[in-house]
Protein backbone atom coordinates (compact mmCIF):
# COMPACT_ATOMS: atom_id res chain seq x y z
CA MET A 1 27.07 -0.90 27.92
CA SER A 2 24.01 1.33 28.09
CA ARG A 3 20.53 1.09 29.54
CA THR A 4 17.70 0.74 27.02
CA ASP A 5 16.05 3.98 28.13
CA ASP A 6 19.26 5.90 27.46
CA ILE A 7 19.66 4.23 24.07
CA LEU A 8 16.08 5.05 23.11
CA ARG A 9 16.44 8.66 24.19
CA GLN A 10 19.63 9.13 22.18
CA ALA A 11 18.20 7.38 19.11
CA ALA A 12 15.00 9.45 19.22
CA SER A 13 17.12 12.60 19.37
CA VAL A 14 19.00 11.79 16.16
CA LEU A 15 15.89 10.46 14.40
CA ALA A 16 14.18 13.79 15.07
CA THR A 17 16.41 15.27 12.36
CA LEU A 18 14.55 13.26 9.71
CA PRO A 19 11.52 14.86 8.03
CA GLU A 20 8.17 13.11 8.57
CA SER A 21 9.52 10.82 11.27
CA ASN A 22 8.04 9.66 14.57
CA PRO A 23 11.33 9.57 16.49
CA ARG A 24 10.42 7.78 19.71
CA LEU A 25 8.19 5.19 18.04
CA GLU A 26 10.78 4.48 15.36
CA ALA A 27 13.53 4.11 17.96
CA GLU A 28 11.40 1.59 19.83
CA LEU A 29 10.57 -0.37 16.68
CA LEU A 30 14.20 -0.56 15.63
CA LEU A 31 15.24 -1.70 19.08
CA THR A 32 12.60 -4.43 19.15
CA ALA A 33 13.89 -5.61 15.76
CA ALA A 34 17.46 -5.67 17.05
CA THR A 35 16.68 -7.46 20.32
CA GLY A 36 13.54 -9.53 19.72
CA TRP A 37 11.95 -7.85 22.75
CA THR A 38 8.43 -6.44 22.65
CA ARG A 39 7.71 -2.72 23.00
CA THR A 40 5.93 -3.57 26.25
CA ALA A 41 9.16 -5.10 27.58
CA LEU A 42 11.12 -2.01 26.58
CA LEU A 43 8.77 0.20 28.57
CA ALA A 44 8.51 -2.17 31.53
CA TRP A 45 12.28 -2.60 32.04
CA PRO A 46 13.97 0.66 30.98
CA GLU A 47 17.02 -0.20 33.08
CA ARG A 48 17.72 -3.33 31.01
CA ILE A 49 21.26 -3.45 29.59
CA LEU A 50 21.77 -4.14 25.90
CA ASP A 51 24.34 -6.81 25.10
CA PRO A 52 27.08 -5.91 22.58
CA ALA A 53 25.64 -8.00 19.72
CA ALA A 54 22.20 -6.44 20.05
CA ALA A 55 23.74 -2.98 20.33
CA GLU A 56 25.62 -3.59 17.09
CA ARG A 57 22.46 -4.74 15.32
CA PHE A 58 20.57 -1.70 16.58
CA ALA A 59 23.33 0.66 15.42
CA ALA A 60 23.19 -0.87 11.93
CA LEU A 61 19.40 -0.51 11.73
CA LEU A 62 19.55 3.06 13.00
CA ALA A 63 22.20 3.94 10.41
CA ARG A 64 19.92 2.65 7.65
CA ARG A 65 17.03 4.77 8.92
CA LEU A 66 19.22 7.86 9.11
CA THR A 67 19.91 7.56 5.37
CA GLY A 68 16.14 8.02 4.91
CA GLU A 69 15.34 4.38 4.22
CA PRO A 70 11.67 3.82 5.15
CA ILE A 71 11.10 2.11 8.47
CA ALA A 72 8.76 -0.38 6.74
CA TYR A 73 11.56 -1.64 4.51
CA ILE A 74 13.98 -1.89 7.42
CA LEU A 75 11.49 -3.92 9.48
CA GLY A 76 10.14 -5.77 6.43
CA ARG A 77 6.53 -5.22 7.42
CA GLN A 78 3.74 -2.67 7.40
CA THR A 79 0.28 -2.59 8.97
CA PHE A 80 -2.64 -2.02 6.58
CA TRP A 81 -6.32 -2.23 7.49
CA THR A 82 -6.29 -4.91 10.24
CA LEU A 83 -3.40 -6.85 8.74
CA GLU A 84 0.37 -6.92 9.04
CA LEU A 85 1.92 -7.34 5.60
CA ARG A 86 5.38 -8.23 4.45
CA VAL A 87 6.89 -5.48 2.29
CA THR A 88 10.13 -5.22 0.33
CA PRO A 89 11.68 -2.60 -1.97
CA ASP A 90 9.89 -4.44 -4.81
CA THR A 91 6.54 -3.15 -3.51
CA LEU A 92 5.04 0.14 -2.49
CA ILE A 93 4.56 0.69 1.22
CA PRO A 94 0.78 0.47 1.89
CA ARG A 95 -0.56 3.77 3.19
CA PRO A 96 -3.64 4.64 5.26
CA GLU A 97 -5.29 6.69 2.50
CA THR A 98 -5.55 3.55 0.34
CA GLU A 99 -7.89 2.07 2.97
CA LEU A 100 -10.56 4.35 1.46
CA LEU A 101 -10.73 1.89 -1.47
CA ILE A 102 -11.52 -0.92 0.97
CA GLU A 103 -14.25 1.11 2.65
CA ILE A 104 -15.86 1.94 -0.70
CA ALA A 105 -15.82 -1.68 -1.88
CA LEU A 106 -17.31 -2.98 1.37
CA ASP A 107 -20.00 -0.32 1.23
CA ARG A 108 -20.91 -0.61 -2.45
CA LEU A 109 -20.69 -4.36 -3.11
CA ALA A 110 -23.08 -7.01 -1.85
CA ALA A 111 -21.74 -8.87 1.17
CA GLN A 112 -24.07 -11.83 0.77
CA ARG A 113 -23.00 -13.06 -2.66
CA PRO A 114 -19.64 -14.17 -4.08
CA VAL A 115 -18.70 -11.14 -6.17
CA GLN A 116 -15.51 -11.14 -8.22
CA VAL A 117 -13.11 -8.24 -7.68
CA ALA A 118 -9.80 -7.39 -9.36
CA ASP A 119 -7.04 -5.52 -7.51
CA LEU A 120 -4.85 -4.06 -10.26
CA GLY A 121 -1.19 -3.35 -9.48
CA THR A 122 -1.50 -5.25 -6.22
CA GLY A 123 2.09 -4.74 -5.01
CA SER A 124 2.24 -6.28 -1.55
CA GLY A 125 -1.34 -7.51 -2.00
CA ALA A 126 -2.74 -5.00 0.49
CA ILE A 127 -6.09 -4.26 -1.18
CA ALA A 128 -6.88 -7.85 -2.13
CA ALA A 129 -5.82 -9.14 1.29
CA ALA A 130 -7.94 -6.61 3.17
CA LEU A 131 -11.03 -7.42 1.11
CA ALA A 132 -10.50 -11.17 1.37
CA SER A 133 -10.12 -10.91 5.14
CA GLU A 134 -13.45 -9.07 5.39
CA ARG A 135 -15.37 -11.02 2.75
CA PRO A 136 -14.21 -14.67 2.66
CA ASP A 137 -16.85 -15.55 0.03
CA TRP A 138 -15.62 -12.99 -2.49
CA ARG A 139 -13.35 -14.10 -5.33
CA LEU A 140 -10.28 -11.89 -5.66
CA ILE A 141 -7.86 -11.47 -8.54
CA ALA A 142 -4.57 -9.71 -7.76
CA THR A 143 -2.55 -8.52 -10.75
CA ASP A 144 0.85 -6.89 -11.14
CA ARG A 145 3.33 -6.52 -13.97
CA SER A 146 6.20 -7.18 -11.53
CA ALA A 147 6.99 -10.83 -10.82
CA GLN A 148 8.90 -9.73 -7.72
CA ALA A 149 5.92 -7.82 -6.34
CA LEU A 150 3.59 -10.75 -7.04
CA ALA A 151 5.94 -13.05 -5.13
CA VAL A 152 5.58 -10.77 -2.09
CA ALA A 153 1.79 -10.67 -2.51
CA ARG A 154 1.58 -14.46 -2.77
CA ASP A 155 3.65 -14.77 0.38
CA ASN A 156 1.31 -12.42 2.24
CA PHE A 157 -1.79 -14.29 1.09
CA ARG A 158 -0.23 -17.58 2.20
CA LEU A 159 0.79 -16.26 5.60
CA LEU A 160 -2.69 -14.82 6.15
CA GLY A 161 -4.46 -17.99 4.97
CA LEU A 162 -6.27 -16.17 2.15
CA GLU A 163 -6.63 -18.96 -0.37
CA GLN A 164 -9.38 -17.37 -2.46
CA ILE A 165 -7.04 -14.86 -4.13
CA ARG A 166 -5.70 -15.66 -7.60
CA CYS A 167 -2.49 -13.92 -8.71
CA LEU A 168 -1.82 -12.97 -12.34
CA GLN A 169 1.23 -11.26 -13.83
CA MET A 170 0.00 -8.80 -16.44
CA ASP A 171 -0.57 -5.15 -17.32
CA TRP A 172 -3.82 -3.88 -15.89
CA LEU A 173 -6.84 -5.64 -17.50
CA ARG A 174 -5.23 -6.86 -20.70
CA ALA A 175 -5.50 -10.63 -20.04
CA LEU A 176 -8.84 -10.66 -18.21
CA ALA A 177 -11.96 -11.96 -19.91
CA SER A 178 -14.83 -9.67 -20.88
CA ASP A 179 -17.87 -9.18 -18.67
CA THR A 180 -16.43 -11.10 -15.69
CA LEU A 181 -15.87 -8.59 -12.89
CA ASP A 182 -18.19 -7.01 -10.37
CA ALA A 183 -15.56 -4.47 -9.36
CA ILE A 184 -12.11 -3.18 -10.27
CA LEU A 185 -10.01 -1.47 -7.62
CA SER A 186 -6.59 0.04 -8.10
CA ASN A 187 -3.95 2.20 -6.50
CA PRO A 188 -2.00 2.68 -9.73
CA PRO A 189 1.10 4.80 -10.31
CA TYR A 190 -0.17 8.37 -10.64
CA ILE A 191 2.68 10.76 -9.81
CA ALA A 192 3.76 12.98 -12.71
CA GLU A 193 7.19 12.16 -14.11
CA GLN A 194 8.63 15.57 -13.21
CA ASP A 195 7.11 15.79 -9.73
CA PRO A 196 9.91 16.77 -7.32
CA HIS A 197 8.40 14.57 -4.59
CA LEU A 198 9.83 11.53 -6.40
CA GLY A 199 13.26 12.59 -5.14
CA ARG A 200 12.22 13.12 -1.55
CA GLY A 201 11.50 11.06 1.55
CA ASP A 202 10.29 7.48 1.31
CA LEU A 203 9.55 7.79 -2.41
CA ARG A 204 13.29 7.71 -3.18
CA PHE A 205 13.37 4.08 -2.04
CA GLU A 206 10.11 2.78 -3.53
CA PRO A 207 9.89 1.15 -7.00
CA ARG A 208 9.65 3.97 -9.51
CA LEU A 209 7.37 2.04 -11.90
CA ALA A 210 4.86 1.73 -9.07
CA LEU A 211 4.96 5.48 -8.47
CA THR A 212 4.85 7.07 -11.91
CA PRO A 213 3.79 5.92 -15.39
CA GLY A 214 5.59 8.92 -16.86
CA GLY A 215 4.14 12.04 -18.42
CA ASP A 216 1.38 13.72 -16.45
CA GLY A 217 0.98 10.68 -14.19
CA LEU A 218 -2.44 9.63 -15.48
CA ASP A 219 -1.58 7.13 -18.23
CA ALA A 220 -2.19 4.11 -15.97
CA ILE A 221 -5.62 5.42 -15.00
CA ARG A 222 -6.39 6.07 -18.67
CA ALA A 223 -5.47 2.48 -19.55
CA ILE A 224 -7.56 1.04 -16.72
CA ALA A 225 -10.59 3.19 -17.49
CA ALA A 226 -10.42 2.45 -21.22
CA ASP A 227 -10.69 -1.31 -20.61
CA ALA A 228 -12.91 -1.30 -17.54
CA GLY A 229 -16.19 -1.27 -19.47
CA ARG A 230 -15.16 -4.44 -21.31
CA CYS A 231 -14.32 -6.39 -18.16
CA LEU A 232 -17.06 -5.22 -15.82
CA HIS A 233 -20.53 -6.68 -15.58
CA PRO A 234 -23.29 -4.13 -16.27
CA GLY A 235 -23.46 -1.99 -13.16
CA GLY A 236 -19.94 -3.00 -12.17
CA LEU A 237 -17.77 -0.62 -10.14
CA LEU A 238 -14.41 0.94 -10.98
CA ALA A 239 -12.62 2.81 -8.16
CA VAL A 240 -9.10 4.25 -8.47
CA GLU A 241 -6.85 6.12 -6.09
CA HIS A 242 -5.16 9.27 -7.41
CA GLY A 243 -3.31 12.39 -6.34
CA PHE A 244 -5.04 15.06 -4.28
CA ASP A 245 -5.03 17.50 -7.22
CA GLN A 246 -6.03 15.04 -9.98
CA ALA A 247 -9.71 14.39 -9.21
CA GLU A 248 -11.19 16.63 -11.89
CA ARG A 249 -9.00 15.13 -14.60
CA VAL A 250 -9.71 11.58 -13.40
CA ARG A 251 -13.48 12.23 -13.46
CA ARG A 252 -13.08 13.41 -17.05
CA ILE A 253 -11.10 10.27 -17.97
CA LEU A 254 -13.77 7.98 -16.50
CA ALA A 255 -16.56 9.90 -18.27
CA GLN A 256 -14.74 9.74 -21.61
CA SER A 257 -14.43 5.97 -21.14
CA GLY A 258 -18.22 5.66 -20.87
CA LEU A 259 -18.50 5.16 -17.12
CA GLN A 260 -21.47 6.68 -15.32
CA ALA A 261 -22.50 7.98 -11.88
CA ILE A 262 -18.95 9.25 -11.35
CA GLU A 263 -18.04 10.63 -7.94
CA THR A 264 -14.95 11.44 -5.89
CA HIS A 265 -14.38 10.59 -2.24
CA ARG A 266 -12.12 12.39 0.22
CA ASP A 267 -9.60 10.76 2.55
CA LEU A 268 -9.30 11.40 6.28
CA ALA A 269 -7.22 14.50 5.56
CA GLY A 270 -10.10 15.93 3.52
CA LEU A 271 -8.24 15.51 0.21
CA GLU A 272 -9.90 14.17 -2.95
CA ARG A 273 -8.34 10.70 -3.10
CA VAL A 274 -10.56 8.09 -4.83
CA THR A 275 -12.78 8.50 -7.88
CA LEU A 276 -15.30 5.85 -8.90
CA GLY A 277 -17.76 5.15 -11.69
CA TYR A 278 -20.00 2.36 -12.96
CA ARG A 279 -20.43 0.53 -16.21
């Protein structure tokens, strides 16, 4: 039997062979999942001995990670905004750059009145949940074409006590009434069908329909923009996440759909990440 500090050191060493990994942190997270201990306990008692059952569980989790399976899917959770969300292979893993959509909505929409916002392609429910947690008086609609993804989103809303979010299974805006929304937010699939990144890293494990709509990657944004003017109130906001090299084309799509005051915002890495416009 081995001490936890030795186990962590050895695990971090093998995890370092994975691209885009944080070896020590991931080793600690996997060990907490296998043992039920906190990370604080791991650091406080490095001499602690792992029992055989926990060691076996840890070895199984580590083997999964070494195949490249995302740590979020192994643990079944991911932090987004100020929330911890349940995630499964039926949903995308929420990423920090998507938080830019939350910042824009909080900045651009009135906090003092009950606006109605749609989160299209909600996946785990990350965008809708973050907004509902910040603005309890807002009315949120979370849509997704995947029944499995919506089940995960509903579970997250329930666990977080966010009762003001309504879930709808549908494609984009097709079933929503005209002139009813103050804002539409979306992190839609936008990767081009032939992009080699789809076969690398975490993307290999995430639902393909949530990553790419096929073709040049912009068909989902085209569909959303084409219907946004019908669903938004006058002056209503549309904001969509996109790839770092797609901003110019997305601005053109929004302009061709009749939206105005179009602008693109950069993420924390300085990359053009979210483009918005108004009815």
